[in-house]
Amino acid sequence: MDTQMLQQIFDSPTLITVKYHGIPVYVQSIDEENGTAQVFPLDDMDHVQEVDLDGLYEDDPVHLLF
């Protein structure tokens, strides 16, 4: 996922579903310098992990952010 798009989702006051390789996740933080994000699966909040931004995508592509 593009860093700028992920930052817009992260800053959004509304809940936007993001998935990591098909698993719905919550984005805790973004590390633009390393191209990673700290996330946890929505069904396992104790399983925080650092993942590559390339594996993240917005589940609802119809939702547009400007």
PDB file of N, CA and C in Angstrom:
ATOM      1  N   MET A   1       0.849  -1.166   0.000  1.00  0.00           N
ATOM      2  CA  MET A   1       0.000   0.000   0.000  1.00  0.00           C
ATOM      3  C   MET A   1       0.897   1.232   0.000  1.00  0.00           C
ATOM      4  N   ASP A   2       0.484   2.240  -0.673  1.00  0.00           N
ATOM      5  CA  ASP A   2       1.180   3.509  -0.729  1.00  0.00           C
ATOM      6  C   ASP A   2       1.212   4.136   0.674  1.00  0.00           C
ATOM      7  N   THR A   3       2.360   4.643   1.073  1.00  0.00           N
ATOM      8  CA  THR A   3       2.528   5.226   2.411  1.00  0.00           C
ATOM      9  C   THR A   3       1.568   6.384   2.652  1.00  0.00           C
ATOM     10  N   GLN A   4       1.399   7.242   1.655  1.00  0.00           N
ATOM     11  CA  GLN A   4       0.510   8.393   1.805  1.00  0.00           C
ATOM     12  C   GLN A   4      -0.936   7.947   2.010  1.00  0.00           C
ATOM     13  N   MET A   5      -1.378   6.944   1.246  1.00  0.00           N
ATOM     14  CA  MET A   5      -2.736   6.440   1.387  1.00  0.00           C
ATOM     15  C   MET A   5      -2.935   5.819   2.767  1.00  0.00           C
ATOM     16  N   LEU A   6      -1.948   5.041   3.232  1.00  0.00           N
ATOM     17  CA  LEU A   6      -2.049   4.427   4.546  1.00  0.00           C
ATOM     18  C   LEU A   6      -2.086   5.497   5.635  1.00  0.00           C
ATOM     19  N   GLN A   7      -1.326   6.566   5.480  1.00  0.00           N
ATOM     20  CA  GLN A   7      -1.342   7.651   6.466  1.00  0.00           C
ATOM     21  C   GLN A   7      -2.710   8.319   6.496  1.00  0.00           C
ATOM     22  N   GLN A   8      -3.349   8.503   5.333  1.00  0.00           N
ATOM     23  CA  GLN A   8      -4.690   9.088   5.288  1.00  0.00           C
ATOM     24  C   GLN A   8      -5.692   8.182   6.000  1.00  0.00           C
ATOM     25  N   ILE A   9      -5.571   6.886   5.796  1.00  0.00           N
ATOM     26  CA  ILE A   9      -6.454   5.935   6.470  1.00  0.00           C
ATOM     27  C   ILE A   9      -6.202   5.996   7.976  1.00  0.00           C
ATOM     28  N   PHE A  10      -4.935   6.023   8.366  1.00  0.00           N
ATOM     29  CA  PHE A  10      -4.542   6.071   9.773  1.00  0.00           C
ATOM     30  C   PHE A  10      -5.105   7.318  10.448  1.00  0.00           C
ATOM     31  N   ASP A  11      -5.080   8.459   9.766  1.00  0.00           N
ATOM     32  CA  ASP A  11      -5.544   9.735  10.308  1.00  0.00           C
ATOM     33  C   ASP A  11      -7.058   9.932  10.207  1.00  0.00           C
ATOM     34  N   SER A  12      -7.734   9.082   9.466  1.00  0.00           N
ATOM     35  CA  SER A  12      -9.165   9.236   9.235  1.00  0.00           C
ATOM     36  C   SER A  12      -9.972   9.036  10.522  1.00  0.00           C
ATOM     37  N   PRO A  13     -10.986   9.879  10.742  1.00  0.00           N
ATOM     38  CA  PRO A  13     -11.841   9.699  11.920  1.00  0.00           C
ATOM     39  C   PRO A  13     -12.827   8.532  11.765  1.00  0.00           C
ATOM     40  N   THR A  14     -12.964   8.029  10.547  1.00  0.00           N
ATOM     41  CA  THR A  14     -13.865   6.896  10.311  1.00  0.00           C
ATOM     42  C   THR A  14     -13.064   5.607  10.203  1.00  0.00           C
ATOM     43  N   LEU A  15     -13.719   4.506  10.508  1.00  0.00           N
ATOM     44  CA  LEU A  15     -13.071   3.199  10.429  1.00  0.00           C
ATOM     45  C   LEU A  15     -13.028   2.746   8.975  1.00  0.00           C
ATOM     46  N   ILE A  16     -11.838   2.512   8.478  1.00  0.00           N
ATOM     47  CA  ILE A  16     -11.638   2.019   7.122  1.00  0.00           C
ATOM     48  C   ILE A  16     -10.938   0.671   7.259  1.00  0.00           C
ATOM     49  N   THR A  17     -11.537  -0.358   6.697  1.00  0.00           N
ATOM     50  CA  THR A  17     -10.990  -1.696   6.842  1.00  0.00           C
ATOM     51  C   THR A  17      -9.726  -1.863   6.007  1.00  0.00           C
ATOM     52  N   VAL A  18      -8.655  -2.256   6.681  1.00  0.00           N
ATOM     53  CA  VAL A  18      -7.387  -2.552   6.022  1.00  0.00           C
ATOM     54  C   VAL A  18      -7.085  -4.016   6.261  1.00  0.00           C
ATOM     55  N   LYS A  19      -6.602  -4.681   5.228  1.00  0.00           N
ATOM     56  CA  LYS A  19      -6.249  -6.089   5.360  1.00  0.00           C
ATOM     57  C   LYS A  19      -4.768  -6.288   5.068  1.00  0.00           C
ATOM     58  N   TYR A  20      -4.214  -7.295   5.732  1.00  0.00           N
ATOM     59  CA  TYR A  20      -2.851  -7.715   5.477  1.00  0.00           C
ATOM     60  C   TYR A  20      -2.914  -9.150   4.983  1.00  0.00           C
ATOM     61  N   HIS A  21      -2.640  -9.337   3.713  1.00  0.00           N
ATOM     62  CA  HIS A  21      -2.742 -10.654   3.076  1.00  0.00           C
ATOM     63  C   HIS A  21      -4.072 -11.328   3.418  1.00  0.00           C
ATOM     64  N   GLY A  22      -5.165 -10.551   3.318  1.00  0.00           N
ATOM     65  CA  GLY A  22      -6.507 -11.082   3.503  1.00  0.00           C
ATOM     66  C   GLY A  22      -7.028 -11.064   4.928  1.00  0.00           C
ATOM     67  N   ILE A  23      -6.212 -10.682   5.894  1.00  0.00           N
ATOM     68  CA  ILE A  23      -6.628 -10.669   7.295  1.00  0.00           C
ATOM     69  C   ILE A  23      -6.913  -9.231   7.722  1.00  0.00           C
ATOM     70  N   PRO A  24      -8.130  -8.945   8.221  1.00  0.00           N
ATOM     71  CA  PRO A  24      -8.435  -7.592   8.690  1.00  0.00           C
ATOM     72  C   PRO A  24      -7.526  -7.211   9.862  1.00  0.00           C
ATOM     73  N   VAL A  25      -6.898  -6.041   9.756  1.00  0.00           N
ATOM     74  CA  VAL A  25      -5.955  -5.597  10.783  1.00  0.00           C
ATOM     75  C   VAL A  25      -6.240  -4.156  11.193  1.00  0.00           C
ATOM     76  N   TYR A  26      -5.734  -3.814  12.377  1.00  0.00           N
ATOM     77  CA  TYR A  26      -5.739  -2.442  12.860  1.00  0.00           C
ATOM     78  C   TYR A  26      -4.302  -1.927  12.744  1.00  0.00           C
ATOM     79  N   VAL A  27      -4.132  -0.753  12.153  1.00  0.00           N
ATOM     80  CA  VAL A  27      -2.809  -0.168  11.984  1.00  0.00           C
ATOM     81  C   VAL A  27      -2.501   0.692  13.209  1.00  0.00           C
ATOM     82  N   GLN A  28      -1.495   0.297  13.979  1.00  0.00           N
ATOM     83  CA  GLN A  28      -1.096   1.025  15.182  1.00  0.00           C
ATOM     84  C   GLN A  28      -0.147   2.166  14.872  1.00  0.00           C
ATOM     85  N   SER A  29       0.792   1.929  13.967  1.00  0.00           N
ATOM     86  CA  SER A  29       1.755   2.966  13.606  1.00  0.00           C
ATOM     87  C   SER A  29       2.350   2.659  12.243  1.00  0.00           C
ATOM     88  N   ILE A  30       2.946   3.691  11.645  1.00  0.00           N
ATOM     89  CA  ILE A  30       3.554   3.576  10.315  1.00  0.00           C
ATOM     90  C   ILE A  30       5.000   4.035  10.402  1.00  0.00           C
ATOM     91  N   ASP A  31       5.899   3.261   9.818  1.00  0.00           N
ATOM     92  CA  ASP A  31       7.317   3.627   9.745  1.00  0.00           C
ATOM     93  C   ASP A  31       7.643   3.844   8.275  1.00  0.00           C
ATOM     94  N   GLU A  32       7.486   5.100   7.829  1.00  0.00           N
ATOM     95  CA  GLU A  32       7.697   5.430   6.417  1.00  0.00           C
ATOM     96  C   GLU A  32       9.118   5.132   5.973  1.00  0.00           C
ATOM     97  N   GLU A  33      10.079   5.385   6.843  1.00  0.00           N
ATOM     98  CA  GLU A  33      11.486   5.208   6.490  1.00  0.00           C
ATOM     99  C   GLU A  33      11.805   3.753   6.129  1.00  0.00           C
ATOM    100  N   ASN A  34      11.216   2.813   6.863  1.00  0.00           N
ATOM    101  CA  ASN A  34      11.474   1.391   6.620  1.00  0.00           C
ATOM    102  C   ASN A  34      10.406   0.720   5.756  1.00  0.00           C
ATOM    103  N   GLY A  35       9.336   1.450   5.433  1.00  0.00           N
ATOM    104  CA  GLY A  35       8.265   0.882   4.614  1.00  0.00           C
ATOM    105  C   GLY A  35       7.496  -0.214   5.334  1.00  0.00           C
ATOM    106  N   THR A  36       7.303  -0.021   6.653  1.00  0.00           N
ATOM    107  CA  THR A  36       6.596  -1.017   7.461  1.00  0.00           C
ATOM    108  C   THR A  36       5.520  -0.344   8.311  1.00  0.00           C
ATOM    109  N   ALA A  37       4.678  -1.174   8.897  1.00  0.00           N
ATOM    110  CA  ALA A  37       3.658  -0.692   9.823  1.00  0.00           C
ATOM    111  C   ALA A  37       3.493  -1.712  10.935  1.00  0.00           C
ATOM    112  N   GLN A  38       3.143  -1.228  12.120  1.00  0.00           N
ATOM    113  CA  GLN A  38       2.812  -2.122  13.216  1.00  0.00           C
ATOM    114  C   GLN A  38       1.307  -2.316  13.179  1.00  0.00           C
ATOM    115  N   VAL A  39       0.886  -3.565  13.108  1.00  0.00           N
ATOM    116  CA  VAL A  39      -0.526  -3.900  13.013  1.00  0.00           C
ATOM    117  C   VAL A  39      -0.843  -5.063  13.951  1.00  0.00           C
ATOM    118  N   PHE A  40      -2.150  -5.240  14.201  1.00  0.00           N
ATOM    119  CA  PHE A  40      -2.595  -6.464  14.853  1.00  0.00           C
ATOM    120  C   PHE A  40      -3.908  -6.889  14.227  1.00  0.00           C
ATOM    121  N   PRO A  41      -4.142  -8.209  14.138  1.00  0.00           N
ATOM    122  CA  PRO A  41      -5.403  -8.705  13.596  1.00  0.00           C
ATOM    123  C   PRO A  41      -6.555  -8.242  14.478  1.00  0.00           C
ATOM    124  N   LEU A  42      -7.681  -7.914  13.865  1.00  0.00           N
ATOM    125  CA  LEU A  42      -8.825  -7.437  14.634  1.00  0.00           C
ATOM    126  C   LEU A  42      -9.349  -8.491  15.596  1.00  0.00           C
ATOM    127  N   ASP A  43      -9.093  -9.767  15.320  1.00  0.00           N
ATOM    128  CA  ASP A  43      -9.577 -10.823  16.214  1.00  0.00           C
ATOM    129  C   ASP A  43      -8.512 -11.296  17.209  1.00  0.00           C
ATOM    130  N   ASP A  44      -7.343 -10.634  17.239  1.00  0.00           N
ATOM    131  CA  ASP A  44      -6.271 -11.016  18.159  1.00  0.00           C
ATOM    132  C   ASP A  44      -5.421  -9.786  18.476  1.00  0.00           C
ATOM    133  N   MET A  45      -5.966  -8.900  19.315  1.00  0.00           N
ATOM    134  CA  MET A  45      -5.331  -7.610  19.583  1.00  0.00           C
ATOM    135  C   MET A  45      -3.981  -7.724  20.278  1.00  0.00           C
ATOM    136  N   ASP A  46      -3.664  -8.870  20.849  1.00  0.00           N
ATOM    137  CA  ASP A  46      -2.379  -9.048  21.522  1.00  0.00           C
ATOM    138  C   ASP A  46      -1.270  -9.486  20.572  1.00  0.00           C
ATOM    139  N   HIS A  47      -1.595  -9.724  19.314  1.00  0.00           N
ATOM    140  CA  HIS A  47      -0.623 -10.227  18.345  1.00  0.00           C
ATOM    141  C   HIS A  47      -0.116  -9.077  17.454  1.00  0.00           C
ATOM    142  N   VAL A  48       0.601  -8.128  18.056  1.00  0.00           N
ATOM    143  CA  VAL A  48       1.138  -6.984  17.308  1.00  0.00           C
ATOM    144  C   VAL A  48       2.357  -7.457  16.520  1.00  0.00           C
ATOM    145  N   GLN A  49       2.408  -7.038  15.259  1.00  0.00           N
ATOM    146  CA  GLN A  49       3.541  -7.427  14.427  1.00  0.00           C
ATOM    147  C   GLN A  49       3.905  -6.298  13.469  1.00  0.00           C
ATOM    148  N   GLU A  50       5.147  -6.276  13.054  1.00  0.00           N
ATOM    149  CA  GLU A  50       5.611  -5.316  12.062  1.00  0.00           C
ATOM    150  C   GLU A  50       5.535  -5.982  10.697  1.00  0.00           C
ATOM    151  N   VAL A  51       4.842  -5.312   9.762  1.00  0.00           N
ATOM    152  CA  VAL A  51       4.622  -5.902   8.445  1.00  0.00           C
ATOM    153  C   VAL A  51       5.052  -4.934   7.349  1.00  0.00           C
ATOM    154  N   ASP A  52       5.321  -5.486   6.187  1.00  0.00           N
ATOM    155  CA  ASP A  52       5.665  -4.720   4.992  1.00  0.00           C
ATOM    156  C   ASP A  52       4.418  -4.001   4.472  1.00  0.00           C
ATOM    157  N   LEU A  53       4.561  -2.747   4.066  1.00  0.00           N
ATOM    158  CA  LEU A  53       3.423  -1.996   3.542  1.00  0.00           C
ATOM    159  C   LEU A  53       2.844  -2.633   2.277  1.00  0.00           C
ATOM    160  N   ASP A  54       3.674  -3.368   1.541  1.00  0.00           N
ATOM    161  CA  ASP A  54       3.210  -3.992   0.300  1.00  0.00           C
ATOM    162  C   ASP A  54       2.101  -5.023   0.533  1.00  0.00           C
ATOM    163  N   GLY A  55       2.038  -5.599   1.734  1.00  0.00           N
ATOM    164  CA  GLY A  55       1.019  -6.598   2.030  1.00  0.00           C
ATOM    165  C   GLY A  55      -0.297  -6.011   2.508  1.00  0.00           C
ATOM    166  N   LEU A  56      -0.336  -4.691   2.725  1.00  0.00           N
ATOM    167  CA  LEU A  56      -1.543  -4.027   3.213  1.00  0.00           C
ATOM    168  C   LEU A  56      -2.363  -3.480   2.054  1.00  0.00           C
ATOM    169  N   TYR A  57      -3.689  -3.574   2.197  1.00  0.00           N
ATOM    170  CA  TYR A  57      -4.563  -2.950   1.206  1.00  0.00           C
ATOM    171  C   TYR A  57      -5.889  -2.583   1.844  1.00  0.00           C
ATOM    172  N   GLU A  58      -6.532  -1.570   1.275  1.00  0.00           N
ATOM    173  CA  GLU A  58      -7.836  -1.130   1.748  1.00  0.00           C
ATOM    174  C   GLU A  58      -8.874  -2.120   1.258  1.00  0.00           C
ATOM    175  N   ASP A  59      -9.729  -2.579   2.168  1.00  0.00           N
ATOM    176  CA  ASP A  59     -10.727  -3.582   1.816  1.00  0.00           C
ATOM    177  C   ASP A  59     -11.850  -3.016   0.966  1.00  0.00           C
ATOM    178  N   ASP A  60     -12.135  -1.730   1.087  1.00  0.00           N
ATOM    179  CA  ASP A  60     -13.226  -1.100   0.355  1.00  0.00           C
ATOM    180  C   ASP A  60     -12.660  -0.070  -0.602  1.00  0.00           C
ATOM    181  N   PRO A  61     -12.233  -0.488  -1.797  1.00  0.00           N
ATOM    182  CA  PRO A  61     -11.594   0.451  -2.734  1.00  0.00           C
ATOM    183  C   PRO A  61     -12.536   1.529  -3.245  1.00  0.00           C
ATOM    184  N   VAL A  62     -13.850   1.410  -3.009  1.00  0.00           N
ATOM    185  CA  VAL A  62     -14.797   2.423  -3.449  1.00  0.00           C
ATOM    186  C   VAL A  62     -14.648   3.681  -2.601  1.00  0.00           C
ATOM    187  N   HIS A  63     -14.181   3.514  -1.341  1.00  0.00           N
ATOM    188  CA  HIS A  63     -13.977   4.632  -0.437  1.00  0.00           C
ATOM    189  C   HIS A  63     -12.798   5.467  -0.926  1.00  0.00           C
ATOM    190  N   LEU A  64     -13.054   6.714  -1.281  1.00  0.00           N
ATOM    191  CA  LEU A  64     -11.989   7.568  -1.800  1.00  0.00           C
ATOM    192  C   LEU A  64     -11.622   8.632  -0.776  1.00  0.00           C
ATOM    193  N   LEU A  65     -10.349   8.871  -0.608  1.00  0.00           N
ATOM    194  CA  LEU A  65      -9.867   9.915   0.300  1.00  0.00           C
ATOM    195  C   LEU A  65      -9.193  11.006  -0.516  1.00  0.00           C
ATOM    196  N   PHE A  66      -9.546  12.215  -0.246  1.00  0.00           N
ATOM    197  CA  PHE A  66      -8.926  13.343  -0.938  1.00  0.00           C
ATOM    198  C   PHE A  66      -8.360  14.300   0.073  1.00  0.00           C
TER     199      PHE A  66
END
